[in-house]
Amino acid sequence: MEPLLTVAVLTYNGNHLLEACYRSIQAQRMHLPGDTEFLLVDNGSCVPPLPPPEGWRVTRLPANIGNIGGMNVCFRQARGEWVLFVANDVRLYP
C-alpha cells in the first residue's frame, strides 16, 4: 500500500540546518497520518548529510542540480499521494 503522505526534505551542504529540521518534523509525527513516509534528498552535497531518523529513505544525487531540480527529484521520488516539501531550513511547528 502506498503512503498517503510523503514528507520530503531537500538539502545541499546543510548539515548545520538538518538536526533542527529533523527534530521539528519528528515533533509533528503525532499529527501526521500513520502511513507517512519520510524522504531526504541530498542535492550533491560536498559532505554526506547528517543521517536522518530511523525509517527515512535517502536519495543522494551525485552532483547538485539546482534548487528546482532537487525539488523535482523530491516529487519524483515520493511514494505518497500527497507531498509536503520541506527545505532544510524550514521548521514545522504545531
N, C-alpha and C. Protein backbone atom coordinates (compact mmCIF):
# COMPACT_ATOMS: atom_id res chain seq x y z
N MET A 1 0.84 -1.19 0.00
CA MET A 1 0.00 0.00 0.00
C MET A 1 0.88 1.25 0.00
N GLU A 2 0.58 2.17 -0.87
CA GLU A 2 1.34 3.42 -0.96
C GLU A 2 0.97 4.34 0.21
N PRO A 3 1.95 5.11 0.70
CA PRO A 3 1.64 6.04 1.80
C PRO A 3 0.74 7.17 1.32
N LEU A 4 -0.01 7.72 2.26
CA LEU A 4 -0.87 8.86 1.95
C LEU A 4 -0.03 10.12 1.78
N LEU A 5 1.01 10.27 2.60
CA LEU A 5 1.80 11.50 2.62
C LEU A 5 3.28 11.17 2.58
N THR A 6 4.03 11.94 1.81
CA THR A 6 5.49 11.93 1.85
C THR A 6 5.96 13.28 2.36
N VAL A 7 6.78 13.27 3.41
CA VAL A 7 7.47 14.48 3.85
C VAL A 7 8.86 14.39 3.23
N ALA A 8 9.15 15.29 2.30
CA ALA A 8 10.40 15.25 1.54
C ALA A 8 11.26 16.46 1.89
N VAL A 9 12.47 16.19 2.38
CA VAL A 9 13.41 17.25 2.76
C VAL A 9 14.52 17.30 1.71
N LEU A 10 14.78 18.49 1.19
CA LEU A 10 15.87 18.71 0.25
C LEU A 10 17.00 19.42 0.99
N THR A 11 18.21 18.92 0.80
CA THR A 11 19.37 19.56 1.43
C THR A 11 20.53 19.65 0.47
N TYR A 12 21.33 20.68 0.66
CA TYR A 12 22.60 20.82 -0.05
C TYR A 12 23.58 21.50 0.91
N ASN A 13 24.60 20.76 1.31
CA ASN A 13 25.59 21.28 2.26
C ASN A 13 24.91 21.91 3.47
N GLY A 14 23.87 21.27 3.96
CA GLY A 14 23.06 21.85 5.02
C GLY A 14 23.14 21.14 6.36
N ASN A 15 24.26 20.50 6.65
CA ASN A 15 24.35 19.77 7.91
C ASN A 15 24.08 20.65 9.13
N HIS A 16 24.45 21.93 9.06
CA HIS A 16 24.22 22.83 10.18
C HIS A 16 22.73 23.13 10.37
N LEU A 17 21.90 22.77 9.40
CA LEU A 17 20.45 23.01 9.47
C LEU A 17 19.64 21.74 9.71
N LEU A 18 20.20 20.59 9.37
CA LEU A 18 19.40 19.37 9.33
C LEU A 18 18.94 18.88 10.69
N GLU A 19 19.76 18.99 11.72
CA GLU A 19 19.34 18.47 13.03
C GLU A 19 18.06 19.15 13.50
N ALA A 20 17.99 20.46 13.40
CA ALA A 20 16.78 21.19 13.80
C ALA A 20 15.60 20.85 12.90
N CYS A 21 15.86 20.66 11.62
CA CYS A 21 14.81 20.27 10.69
C CYS A 21 14.24 18.91 11.07
N TYR A 22 15.13 17.93 11.28
CA TYR A 22 14.69 16.59 11.68
C TYR A 22 13.87 16.65 12.97
N ARG A 23 14.37 17.40 13.96
CA ARG A 23 13.66 17.50 15.25
C ARG A 23 12.26 18.06 15.07
N SER A 24 12.14 19.10 14.24
CA SER A 24 10.83 19.73 14.07
C SER A 24 9.85 18.78 13.38
N ILE A 25 10.34 17.97 12.44
CA ILE A 25 9.48 17.01 11.76
C ILE A 25 9.10 15.89 12.71
N GLN A 26 10.06 15.38 13.46
CA GLN A 26 9.78 14.30 14.42
C GLN A 26 8.75 14.76 15.45
N ALA A 27 8.82 16.02 15.85
CA ALA A 27 7.87 16.54 16.85
C ALA A 27 6.45 16.58 16.32
N GLN A 28 6.27 16.58 15.00
CA GLN A 28 4.94 16.64 14.40
C GLN A 28 4.38 15.28 14.01
N ARG A 29 5.14 14.23 14.24
CA ARG A 29 4.72 12.90 13.76
C ARG A 29 3.34 12.50 14.26
N MET A 30 2.99 12.89 15.49
CA MET A 30 1.68 12.51 16.02
C MET A 30 0.54 13.18 15.25
N HIS A 31 0.84 14.24 14.52
CA HIS A 31 -0.18 14.97 13.76
C HIS A 31 -0.23 14.53 12.29
N LEU A 32 0.65 13.63 11.91
CA LEU A 32 0.71 13.17 10.52
C LEU A 32 0.02 11.81 10.38
N PRO A 33 -0.47 11.50 9.20
CA PRO A 33 -1.10 10.18 9.01
C PRO A 33 -0.11 9.07 9.35
N GLY A 34 -0.63 7.95 9.83
CA GLY A 34 0.21 6.82 10.19
C GLY A 34 0.98 6.25 9.02
N ASP A 35 0.47 6.45 7.82
CA ASP A 35 1.16 5.91 6.64
C ASP A 35 1.98 7.00 5.93
N THR A 36 2.64 7.84 6.72
CA THR A 36 3.51 8.87 6.17
C THR A 36 4.90 8.29 5.94
N GLU A 37 5.48 8.61 4.80
CA GLU A 37 6.89 8.25 4.57
C GLU A 37 7.73 9.51 4.67
N PHE A 38 8.99 9.32 5.02
CA PHE A 38 9.92 10.42 5.19
C PHE A 38 11.09 10.20 4.23
N LEU A 39 11.44 11.25 3.49
CA LEU A 39 12.43 11.16 2.43
C LEU A 39 13.40 12.32 2.55
N LEU A 40 14.69 12.01 2.50
CA LEU A 40 15.73 13.03 2.43
C LEU A 40 16.38 12.94 1.06
N VAL A 41 16.45 14.07 0.36
CA VAL A 41 17.14 14.13 -0.92
C VAL A 41 18.34 15.06 -0.74
N ASP A 42 19.54 14.48 -0.89
CA ASP A 42 20.77 15.25 -0.82
C ASP A 42 21.14 15.67 -2.24
N ASN A 43 21.17 16.96 -2.45
CA ASN A 43 21.39 17.53 -3.78
C ASN A 43 22.88 17.68 -4.09
N GLY A 44 23.63 16.59 -3.94
CA GLY A 44 25.05 16.59 -4.31
C GLY A 44 25.94 17.33 -3.34
N SER A 45 25.65 17.27 -2.04
CA SER A 45 26.47 17.96 -1.04
C SER A 45 27.92 17.48 -1.10
N CYS A 46 28.84 18.35 -0.71
CA CYS A 46 30.27 18.00 -0.66
C CYS A 46 30.56 16.99 0.43
N VAL A 47 29.80 17.06 1.52
CA VAL A 47 29.93 16.14 2.65
C VAL A 47 28.58 15.45 2.81
N PRO A 48 28.56 14.14 3.02
CA PRO A 48 27.27 13.45 3.19
C PRO A 48 26.43 14.12 4.28
N PRO A 49 25.12 14.12 4.10
CA PRO A 49 24.25 14.77 5.10
C PRO A 49 24.21 13.98 6.40
N LEU A 50 23.85 14.71 7.48
CA LEU A 50 23.63 14.03 8.75
C LEU A 50 22.56 12.97 8.53
N PRO A 51 22.77 11.78 9.05
CA PRO A 51 21.76 10.74 8.86
C PRO A 51 20.42 11.16 9.45
N PRO A 52 19.35 10.89 8.74
CA PRO A 52 18.03 11.21 9.27
C PRO A 52 17.61 10.19 10.32
N PRO A 53 16.50 10.45 11.00
CA PRO A 53 15.99 9.46 11.96
C PRO A 53 15.72 8.11 11.27
N GLU A 54 15.67 7.09 12.07
CA GLU A 54 15.43 5.75 11.55
C GLU A 54 14.12 5.69 10.76
N GLY A 55 14.15 4.94 9.67
CA GLY A 55 12.95 4.75 8.87
C GLY A 55 12.83 5.69 7.68
N TRP A 56 13.74 6.65 7.56
CA TRP A 56 13.70 7.56 6.42
C TRP A 56 14.38 6.91 5.22
N ARG A 57 13.90 7.23 4.03
CA ARG A 57 14.61 6.87 2.80
C ARG A 57 15.53 8.03 2.45
N VAL A 58 16.68 7.72 1.87
CA VAL A 58 17.65 8.75 1.47
C VAL A 58 18.00 8.55 0.00
N THR A 59 17.96 9.64 -0.75
CA THR A 59 18.42 9.66 -2.12
C THR A 59 19.56 10.66 -2.18
N ARG A 60 20.71 10.22 -2.65
CA ARG A 60 21.87 11.11 -2.73
C ARG A 60 22.23 11.30 -4.19
N LEU A 61 22.12 12.54 -4.66
CA LEU A 61 22.45 12.86 -6.05
C LEU A 61 23.96 13.03 -6.19
N PRO A 62 24.53 12.60 -7.32
CA PRO A 62 25.99 12.69 -7.49
C PRO A 62 26.49 14.12 -7.66
N ALA A 63 25.64 15.02 -8.10
CA ALA A 63 26.02 16.42 -8.29
C ALA A 63 24.80 17.31 -8.05
N ASN A 64 25.07 18.55 -7.68
CA ASN A 64 23.98 19.49 -7.44
C ASN A 64 23.30 19.83 -8.76
N ILE A 65 21.98 19.71 -8.76
CA ILE A 65 21.22 20.02 -9.98
C ILE A 65 20.34 21.26 -9.79
N GLY A 66 20.70 22.07 -8.80
CA GLY A 66 19.95 23.30 -8.54
C GLY A 66 18.74 23.06 -7.67
N ASN A 67 18.23 24.13 -7.11
CA ASN A 67 17.11 24.02 -6.17
C ASN A 67 15.87 23.41 -6.82
N ILE A 68 15.48 23.92 -7.96
CA ILE A 68 14.28 23.40 -8.62
C ILE A 68 14.50 21.96 -9.07
N GLY A 69 15.69 21.65 -9.59
CA GLY A 69 15.99 20.27 -9.96
C GLY A 69 15.90 19.34 -8.76
N GLY A 70 16.44 19.78 -7.62
CA GLY A 70 16.35 18.98 -6.40
C GLY A 70 14.92 18.81 -5.92
N MET A 71 14.13 19.87 -6.01
CA MET A 71 12.71 19.77 -5.63
C MET A 71 12.01 18.75 -6.52
N ASN A 72 12.29 18.80 -7.82
CA ASN A 72 11.66 17.85 -8.73
C ASN A 72 12.03 16.41 -8.39
N VAL A 73 13.27 16.17 -7.97
CA VAL A 73 13.67 14.83 -7.54
C VAL A 73 12.85 14.43 -6.32
N CYS A 74 12.65 15.35 -5.38
CA CYS A 74 11.82 15.05 -4.21
C CYS A 74 10.44 14.56 -4.65
N PHE A 75 9.83 15.27 -5.58
CA PHE A 75 8.49 14.91 -6.02
C PHE A 75 8.48 13.60 -6.81
N ARG A 76 9.51 13.37 -7.62
CA ARG A 76 9.58 12.12 -8.38
C ARG A 76 9.84 10.92 -7.47
N GLN A 77 10.63 11.10 -6.43
CA GLN A 77 10.97 10.00 -5.52
C GLN A 77 9.86 9.70 -4.52
N ALA A 78 8.99 10.66 -4.29
CA ALA A 78 7.92 10.50 -3.29
C ALA A 78 6.98 9.37 -3.69
N ARG A 79 6.59 8.58 -2.73
CA ARG A 79 5.64 7.49 -2.96
C ARG A 79 4.24 7.86 -2.49
N GLY A 80 4.12 8.95 -1.76
CA GLY A 80 2.83 9.34 -1.20
C GLY A 80 1.89 9.95 -2.22
N GLU A 81 0.62 9.89 -1.89
CA GLU A 81 -0.40 10.53 -2.72
C GLU A 81 -0.25 12.05 -2.63
N TRP A 82 0.15 12.53 -1.45
CA TRP A 82 0.40 13.94 -1.19
C TRP A 82 1.87 14.08 -0.80
N VAL A 83 2.46 15.24 -1.11
CA VAL A 83 3.86 15.51 -0.77
C VAL A 83 3.95 16.84 -0.03
N LEU A 84 4.60 16.80 1.13
CA LEU A 84 4.93 18.02 1.86
C LEU A 84 6.42 18.25 1.64
N PHE A 85 6.75 19.27 0.83
CA PHE A 85 8.14 19.59 0.54
C PHE A 85 8.66 20.49 1.64
N VAL A 86 9.84 20.14 2.17
CA VAL A 86 10.45 20.90 3.24
C VAL A 86 11.92 21.14 2.88
N ALA A 87 12.32 22.39 2.78
CA ALA A 87 13.74 22.70 2.61
C ALA A 87 14.42 22.51 3.96
N ASN A 88 15.73 22.32 3.96
CA ASN A 88 16.43 22.00 5.20
C ASN A 88 16.40 23.13 6.22
N ASP A 89 16.06 24.35 5.81
CA ASP A 89 15.99 25.46 6.77
C ASP A 89 14.56 25.74 7.24
N VAL A 90 13.63 24.88 6.86
CA VAL A 90 12.23 25.01 7.29
C VAL A 90 12.03 24.25 8.59
N ARG A 91 11.24 24.81 9.49
CA ARG A 91 10.90 24.15 10.74
C ARG A 91 9.39 24.01 10.79
N LEU A 92 8.91 22.85 11.16
CA LEU A 92 7.47 22.61 11.33
C LEU A 92 7.10 22.85 12.78
N TYR A 93 6.04 23.59 13.00
CA TYR A 93 5.57 23.89 14.35
C TYR A 93 4.11 23.47 14.46
N PRO A 94 3.68 23.16 15.69
CA PRO A 94 2.26 22.74 15.86
C PRO A 94 1.30 23.84 15.42
